Amino acid sequence: MVFARDGMKLRLEVSDDGIGLPAGFDLDKSESLGLRLVVALAAQLSGVLEIEGRAGTLFRVTFADQQPES
């Protein structure tokens, strides 16, 4: 898991080194509870969800920092 700050944006990445996503994977058609939770998290944060599934799977949510830098 990676949590990084890039200016006023925050990025959360979670990945594994498994087999990746199946060919033709469609997030909108997935019935997986885990994937629905990831989509809901990104929506709650008004973030952008990116998924890479070639060698393993990577979920990246980028969202605006809602706290001023201290």
PDB file of N, CA and C in Angstrom:
ATOM      1  N   MET A   1       0.850  -1.159   0.000  1.00  0.00           N
ATOM      2  CA  MET A   1       0.000   0.000   0.000  1.00  0.00           C
ATOM      3  C   MET A   1       0.900   1.227   0.000  1.00  0.00           C
ATOM      4  N   VAL A   2       0.540   2.189  -0.813  1.00  0.00           N
ATOM      5  CA  VAL A   2       1.277   3.447  -0.912  1.00  0.00           C
ATOM      6  C   VAL A   2       0.279   4.581  -0.696  1.00  0.00           C
ATOM      7  N   PHE A   3       0.671   5.524   0.142  1.00  0.00           N
ATOM      8  CA  PHE A   3      -0.122   6.728   0.335  1.00  0.00           C
ATOM      9  C   PHE A   3       0.826   7.889   0.118  1.00  0.00           C
ATOM     10  N   ALA A   4       0.564   8.725  -0.889  1.00  0.00           N
ATOM     11  CA  ALA A   4       1.500   9.782  -1.251  1.00  0.00           C
ATOM     12  C   ALA A   4       0.775  11.100  -1.466  1.00  0.00           C
ATOM     13  N   ARG A   5       1.499  12.184  -1.247  1.00  0.00           N
ATOM     14  CA  ARG A   5       0.986  13.530  -1.473  1.00  0.00           C
ATOM     15  C   ARG A   5       1.705  14.097  -2.700  1.00  0.00           C
ATOM     16  N   ASP A   6       0.934  14.702  -3.589  1.00  0.00           N
ATOM     17  CA  ASP A   6       1.490  15.369  -4.762  1.00  0.00           C
ATOM     18  C   ASP A   6       0.844  16.743  -4.846  1.00  0.00           C
ATOM     19  N   GLY A   7       1.442  17.704  -4.173  1.00  0.00           N
ATOM     20  CA  GLY A   7       0.848  19.034  -4.112  1.00  0.00           C
ATOM     21  C   GLY A   7      -0.435  18.981  -3.308  1.00  0.00           C
ATOM     22  N   MET A   8      -1.534  19.328  -3.931  1.00  0.00           N
ATOM     23  CA  MET A   8      -2.835  19.312  -3.254  1.00  0.00           C
ATOM     24  C   MET A   8      -3.612  18.024  -3.539  1.00  0.00           C
ATOM     25  N   LYS A   9      -2.961  17.047  -4.136  1.00  0.00           N
ATOM     26  CA  LYS A   9      -3.604  15.767  -4.430  1.00  0.00           C
ATOM     27  C   LYS A   9      -2.995  14.681  -3.540  1.00  0.00           C
ATOM     28  N   LEU A  10      -3.821  13.729  -3.161  1.00  0.00           N
ATOM     29  CA  LEU A  10      -3.372  12.555  -2.424  1.00  0.00           C
ATOM     30  C   LEU A  10      -3.616  11.340  -3.296  1.00  0.00           C
ATOM     31  N   ARG A  11      -2.751  10.346  -3.128  1.00  0.00           N
ATOM     32  CA  ARG A  11      -2.870   9.134  -3.942  1.00  0.00           C
ATOM     33  C   ARG A  11      -2.755   7.918  -3.024  1.00  0.00           C
ATOM     34  N   LEU A  12      -3.713   7.031  -3.133  1.00  0.00           N
ATOM     35  CA  LEU A  12      -3.713   5.782  -2.400  1.00  0.00           C
ATOM     36  C   LEU A  12      -3.610   4.656  -3.416  1.00  0.00           C
ATOM     37  N   GLU A  13      -2.596   3.810  -3.256  1.00  0.00           N
ATOM     38  CA  GLU A  13      -2.409   2.679  -4.165  1.00  0.00           C
ATOM     39  C   GLU A  13      -2.343   1.391  -3.357  1.00  0.00           C
ATOM     40  N   VAL A  14      -3.064   0.399  -3.836  1.00  0.00           N
ATOM     41  CA  VAL A  14      -3.020  -0.932  -3.249  1.00  0.00           C
ATOM     42  C   VAL A  14      -2.810  -1.898  -4.409  1.00  0.00           C
ATOM     43  N   SER A  15      -1.821  -2.788  -4.257  1.00  0.00           N
ATOM     44  CA  SER A  15      -1.523  -3.700  -5.353  1.00  0.00           C
ATOM     45  C   SER A  15      -1.178  -5.083  -4.819  1.00  0.00           C
ATOM     46  N   ASP A  16      -1.208  -6.052  -5.734  1.00  0.00           N
ATOM     47  CA  ASP A  16      -0.749  -7.399  -5.421  1.00  0.00           C
ATOM     48  C   ASP A  16       0.027  -7.934  -6.612  1.00  0.00           C
ATOM     49  N   ASP A  17       0.626  -9.084  -6.457  1.00  0.00           N
ATOM     50  CA  ASP A  17       1.412  -9.665  -7.545  1.00  0.00           C
ATOM     51  C   ASP A  17       0.782 -10.962  -8.041  1.00  0.00           C
ATOM     52  N   GLY A  18      -0.539 -11.019  -7.975  1.00  0.00           N
ATOM     53  CA  GLY A  18      -1.272 -12.203  -8.409  1.00  0.00           C
ATOM     54  C   GLY A  18      -1.385 -12.296  -9.922  1.00  0.00           C
ATOM     55  N   ILE A  19      -2.409 -12.984 -10.388  1.00  0.00           N
ATOM     56  CA  ILE A  19      -2.561 -13.249 -11.824  1.00  0.00           C
ATOM     57  C   ILE A  19      -3.142 -12.069 -12.601  1.00  0.00           C
ATOM     58  N   GLY A  20      -3.563 -11.042 -11.919  1.00  0.00           N
ATOM     59  CA  GLY A  20      -4.136  -9.881 -12.607  1.00  0.00           C
ATOM     60  C   GLY A  20      -5.617 -10.069 -12.851  1.00  0.00           C
ATOM     61  N   LEU A  21      -6.170  -9.203 -13.670  1.00  0.00           N
ATOM     62  CA  LEU A  21      -7.596  -9.250 -13.973  1.00  0.00           C
ATOM     63  C   LEU A  21      -7.843 -10.074 -15.230  1.00  0.00           C
ATOM     64  N   PRO A  22      -8.992 -10.709 -15.322  1.00  0.00           N
ATOM     65  CA  PRO A  22      -9.275 -11.522 -16.507  1.00  0.00           C
ATOM     66  C   PRO A  22      -9.445 -10.657 -17.751  1.00  0.00           C
ATOM     67  N   ALA A  23      -9.187 -11.254 -18.897  1.00  0.00           N
ATOM     68  CA  ALA A  23      -9.400 -10.558 -20.171  1.00  0.00           C
ATOM     69  C   ALA A  23     -10.862 -10.130 -20.260  1.00  0.00           C
ATOM     70  N   GLY A  24     -11.086  -8.930 -20.741  1.00  0.00           N
ATOM     71  CA  GLY A  24     -12.444  -8.432 -20.892  1.00  0.00           C
ATOM     72  C   GLY A  24     -13.072  -7.961 -19.592  1.00  0.00           C
ATOM     73  N   PHE A  25     -12.263  -7.778 -18.547  1.00  0.00           N
ATOM     74  CA  PHE A  25     -12.790  -7.326 -17.258  1.00  0.00           C
ATOM     75  C   PHE A  25     -13.519  -6.003 -17.430  1.00  0.00           C
ATOM     76  N   ASP A  26     -14.715  -5.908 -16.844  1.00  0.00           N
ATOM     77  CA  ASP A  26     -15.522  -4.690 -16.904  1.00  0.00           C
ATOM     78  C   ASP A  26     -15.954  -4.340 -15.488  1.00  0.00           C
ATOM     79  N   LEU A  27     -15.385  -3.300 -14.942  1.00  0.00           N
ATOM     80  CA  LEU A  27     -15.679  -2.886 -13.577  1.00  0.00           C
ATOM     81  C   LEU A  27     -17.162  -2.624 -13.380  1.00  0.00           C
ATOM     82  N   ASP A  28     -17.817  -2.056 -14.373  1.00  0.00           N
ATOM     83  CA  ASP A  28     -19.239  -1.721 -14.258  1.00  0.00           C
ATOM     84  C   ASP A  28     -20.133  -2.960 -14.156  1.00  0.00           C
ATOM     85  N   LYS A  29     -19.636  -4.103 -14.598  1.00  0.00           N
ATOM     86  CA  LYS A  29     -20.429  -5.331 -14.557  1.00  0.00           C
ATOM     87  C   LYS A  29     -20.026  -6.250 -13.414  1.00  0.00           C
ATOM     88  N   SER A  30     -19.021  -5.866 -12.670  1.00  0.00           N
ATOM     89  CA  SER A  30     -18.537  -6.703 -11.571  1.00  0.00           C
ATOM     90  C   SER A  30     -19.542  -6.713 -10.422  1.00  0.00           C
ATOM     91  N   GLU A  31     -19.756  -7.878  -9.852  1.00  0.00           N
ATOM     92  CA  GLU A  31     -20.643  -8.012  -8.697  1.00  0.00           C
ATOM     93  C   GLU A  31     -19.855  -8.240  -7.414  1.00  0.00           C
ATOM     94  N   SER A  32     -18.547  -8.097  -7.472  1.00  0.00           N
ATOM     95  CA  SER A  32     -17.682  -8.319  -6.318  1.00  0.00           C
ATOM     96  C   SER A  32     -17.915  -7.239  -5.256  1.00  0.00           C
ATOM     97  N   LEU A  33     -18.149  -7.665  -4.026  1.00  0.00           N
ATOM     98  CA  LEU A  33     -18.335  -6.708  -2.939  1.00  0.00           C
ATOM     99  C   LEU A  33     -17.083  -5.857  -2.762  1.00  0.00           C
ATOM    100  N   GLY A  34     -15.910  -6.468  -2.843  1.00  0.00           N
ATOM    101  CA  GLY A  34     -14.667  -5.718  -2.681  1.00  0.00           C
ATOM    102  C   GLY A  34     -14.523  -4.611  -3.711  1.00  0.00           C
ATOM    103  N   LEU A  35     -14.828  -4.916  -4.953  1.00  0.00           N
ATOM    104  CA  LEU A  35     -14.722  -3.899  -5.997  1.00  0.00           C
ATOM    105  C   LEU A  35     -15.779  -2.813  -5.828  1.00  0.00           C
ATOM    106  N   ARG A  36     -16.965  -3.192  -5.381  1.00  0.00           N
ATOM    107  CA  ARG A  36     -17.995  -2.174  -5.127  1.00  0.00           C
ATOM    108  C   ARG A  36     -17.551  -1.232  -4.002  1.00  0.00           C
ATOM    109  N   LEU A  37     -16.857  -1.779  -2.997  1.00  0.00           N
ATOM    110  CA  LEU A  37     -16.352  -0.937  -1.910  1.00  0.00           C
ATOM    111  C   LEU A  37     -15.273   0.027  -2.400  1.00  0.00           C
ATOM    112  N   VAL A  38     -14.397  -0.442  -3.295  1.00  0.00           N
ATOM    113  CA  VAL A  38     -13.360   0.422  -3.851  1.00  0.00           C
ATOM    114  C   VAL A  38     -13.999   1.558  -4.648  1.00  0.00           C
ATOM    115  N   VAL A  39     -14.981   1.242  -5.458  1.00  0.00           N
ATOM    116  CA  VAL A  39     -15.690   2.257  -6.246  1.00  0.00           C
ATOM    117  C   VAL A  39     -16.388   3.246  -5.317  1.00  0.00           C
ATOM    118  N   ALA A  40     -17.005   2.754  -4.247  1.00  0.00           N
ATOM    119  CA  ALA A  40     -17.697   3.629  -3.298  1.00  0.00           C
ATOM    120  C   ALA A  40     -16.710   4.544  -2.584  1.00  0.00           C
ATOM    121  N   LEU A  41     -15.544   4.029  -2.210  1.00  0.00           N
ATOM    122  CA  LEU A  41     -14.526   4.855  -1.560  1.00  0.00           C
ATOM    123  C   LEU A  41     -14.094   5.987  -2.481  1.00  0.00           C
ATOM    124  N   ALA A  42     -13.797   5.652  -3.733  1.00  0.00           N
ATOM    125  CA  ALA A  42     -13.376   6.676  -4.688  1.00  0.00           C
ATOM    126  C   ALA A  42     -14.461   7.736  -4.851  1.00  0.00           C
ATOM    127  N   ALA A  43     -15.718   7.313  -4.905  1.00  0.00           N
ATOM    128  CA  ALA A  43     -16.826   8.265  -5.059  1.00  0.00           C
ATOM    129  C   ALA A  43     -16.956   9.151  -3.822  1.00  0.00           C
ATOM    130  N   GLN A  44     -16.834   8.574  -2.634  1.00  0.00           N
ATOM    131  CA  GLN A  44     -16.947   9.371  -1.406  1.00  0.00           C
ATOM    132  C   GLN A  44     -15.858  10.424  -1.314  1.00  0.00           C
ATOM    133  N   LEU A  45     -14.684  10.106  -1.861  1.00  0.00           N
ATOM    134  CA  LEU A  45     -13.564  11.048  -1.835  1.00  0.00           C
ATOM    135  C   LEU A  45     -13.570  11.987  -3.030  1.00  0.00           C
ATOM    136  N   SER A  46     -14.586  11.876  -3.897  1.00  0.00           N
ATOM    137  CA  SER A  46     -14.622  12.611  -5.164  1.00  0.00           C
ATOM    138  C   SER A  46     -13.320  12.399  -5.916  1.00  0.00           C
ATOM    139  N   GLY A  47     -12.869  11.161  -5.893  1.00  0.00           N
ATOM    140  CA  GLY A  47     -11.579  10.825  -6.489  1.00  0.00           C
ATOM    141  C   GLY A  47     -11.706  10.133  -7.826  1.00  0.00           C
ATOM    142  N   VAL A  48     -10.554   9.891  -8.414  1.00  0.00           N
ATOM    143  CA  VAL A  48     -10.455   9.183  -9.689  1.00  0.00           C
ATOM    144  C   VAL A  48      -9.887   7.798  -9.399  1.00  0.00           C
ATOM    145  N   LEU A  49     -10.569   6.766  -9.844  1.00  0.00           N
ATOM    146  CA  LEU A  49     -10.131   5.385  -9.659  1.00  0.00           C
ATOM    147  C   LEU A  49      -9.486   4.889 -10.936  1.00  0.00           C
ATOM    148  N   GLU A  50      -8.277   4.354 -10.799  1.00  0.00           N
ATOM    149  CA  GLU A  50      -7.587   3.717 -11.922  1.00  0.00           C
ATOM    150  C   GLU A  50      -7.275   2.286 -11.515  1.00  0.00           C
ATOM    151  N   ILE A  51      -7.446   1.363 -12.458  1.00  0.00           N
ATOM    152  CA  ILE A  51      -7.155  -0.042 -12.191  1.00  0.00           C
ATOM    153  C   ILE A  51      -6.244  -0.547 -13.297  1.00  0.00           C
ATOM    154  N   GLU A  52      -5.146  -1.190 -12.894  1.00  0.00           N
ATOM    155  CA  GLU A  52      -4.242  -1.839 -13.835  1.00  0.00           C
ATOM    156  C   GLU A  52      -4.211  -3.310 -13.467  1.00  0.00           C
ATOM    157  N   GLY A  53      -4.345  -4.185 -14.445  1.00  0.00           N
ATOM    158  CA  GLY A  53      -4.437  -5.603 -14.137  1.00  0.00           C
ATOM    159  C   GLY A  53      -3.601  -6.506 -15.008  1.00  0.00           C
ATOM    160  N   ARG A  54      -2.413  -6.043 -15.390  1.00  0.00           N
ATOM    161  CA  ARG A  54      -1.571  -6.870 -16.252  1.00  0.00           C
ATOM    162  C   ARG A  54      -0.780  -7.880 -15.425  1.00  0.00           C
ATOM    163  N   ALA A  55       0.235  -7.453 -14.733  1.00  0.00           N
ATOM    164  CA  ALA A  55       1.046  -8.330 -13.879  1.00  0.00           C
ATOM    165  C   ALA A  55       0.641  -8.027 -12.442  1.00  0.00           C
ATOM    166  N   GLY A  56      -0.310  -8.779 -11.919  1.00  0.00           N
ATOM    167  CA  GLY A  56      -0.898  -8.422 -10.634  1.00  0.00           C
ATOM    168  C   GLY A  56      -1.986  -7.409 -10.880  1.00  0.00           C
ATOM    169  N   THR A  57      -2.479  -6.827  -9.817  1.00  0.00           N
ATOM    170  CA  THR A  57      -3.534  -5.824  -9.934  1.00  0.00           C
ATOM    171  C   THR A  57      -3.169  -4.624  -9.085  1.00  0.00           C
ATOM    172  N   LEU A  58      -3.394  -3.439  -9.633  1.00  0.00           N
ATOM    173  CA  LEU A  58      -3.125  -2.190  -8.932  1.00  0.00           C
ATOM    174  C   LEU A  58      -4.402  -1.360  -8.939  1.00  0.00           C
ATOM    175  N   PHE A  59      -4.807  -0.906  -7.756  1.00  0.00           N
ATOM    176  CA  PHE A  59      -5.914   0.029  -7.608  1.00  0.00           C
ATOM    177  C   PHE A  59      -5.325   1.341  -7.134  1.00  0.00           C
ATOM    178  N   ARG A  60      -5.609   2.419  -7.846  1.00  0.00           N
ATOM    179  CA  ARG A  60      -5.087   3.742  -7.503  1.00  0.00           C
ATOM    180  C   ARG A  60      -6.265   4.713  -7.410  1.00  0.00           C
ATOM    181  N   VAL A  61      -6.383   5.384  -6.258  1.00  0.00           N
ATOM    182  CA  VAL A  61      -7.407   6.413  -6.077  1.00  0.00           C
ATOM    183  C   VAL A  61      -6.668   7.727  -5.842  1.00  0.00           C
ATOM    184  N   THR A  62      -6.927   8.715  -6.688  1.00  0.00           N
ATOM    185  CA  THR A  62      -6.328  10.042  -6.556  1.00  0.00           C
ATOM    186  C   THR A  62      -7.455  11.006  -6.218  1.00  0.00           C
ATOM    187  N   PHE A  63      -7.215  11.813  -5.166  1.00  0.00           N
ATOM    188  CA  PHE A  63      -8.267  12.714  -4.718  1.00  0.00           C
ATOM    189  C   PHE A  63      -7.651  13.972  -4.138  1.00  0.00           C
ATOM    190  N   ALA A  64      -8.469  15.020  -4.017  1.00  0.00           N
ATOM    191  CA  ALA A  64      -7.996  16.317  -3.530  1.00  0.00           C
ATOM    192  C   ALA A  64      -7.772  16.243  -2.020  1.00  0.00           C
ATOM    193  N   ASP A  65      -6.701  16.886  -1.588  1.00  0.00           N
ATOM    194  CA  ASP A  65      -6.407  17.015  -0.157  1.00  0.00           C
ATOM    195  C   ASP A  65      -7.407  17.997   0.437  1.00  0.00           C
ATOM    196  N   GLN A  66      -8.154  17.564   1.417  1.00  0.00           N
ATOM    197  CA  GLN A  66      -9.168  18.437   2.009  1.00  0.00           C
ATOM    198  C   GLN A  66      -8.662  19.129   3.279  1.00  0.00           C
ATOM    199  N   GLN A  67      -7.442  18.831   3.658  1.00  0.00           N
ATOM    200  CA  GLN A  67      -6.816  19.457   4.823  1.00  0.00           C
ATOM    201  C   GLN A  67      -5.718  20.396   4.352  1.00  0.00           C
ATOM    202  N   PRO A  68      -5.623  21.584   4.889  1.00  0.00           N
ATOM    203  CA  PRO A  68      -4.507  22.465   4.507  1.00  0.00           C
ATOM    204  C   PRO A  68      -3.195  21.883   5.015  1.00  0.00           C
ATOM    205  N   GLU A  69      -2.121  22.064   4.227  1.00  0.00           N
ATOM    206  CA  GLU A  69      -0.796  21.602   4.662  1.00  0.00           C
ATOM    207  C   GLU A  69      -0.380  22.348   5.903  1.00  0.00           C
ATOM    208  N   SER A  70       0.258  21.634   6.838  1.00  0.00           N
ATOM    209  CA  SER A  70       0.687  22.286   8.075  1.00  0.00           C
ATOM    210  C   SER A  70       2.193  22.468   8.081  1.00  0.00           C
TER     211      SER A  70
END
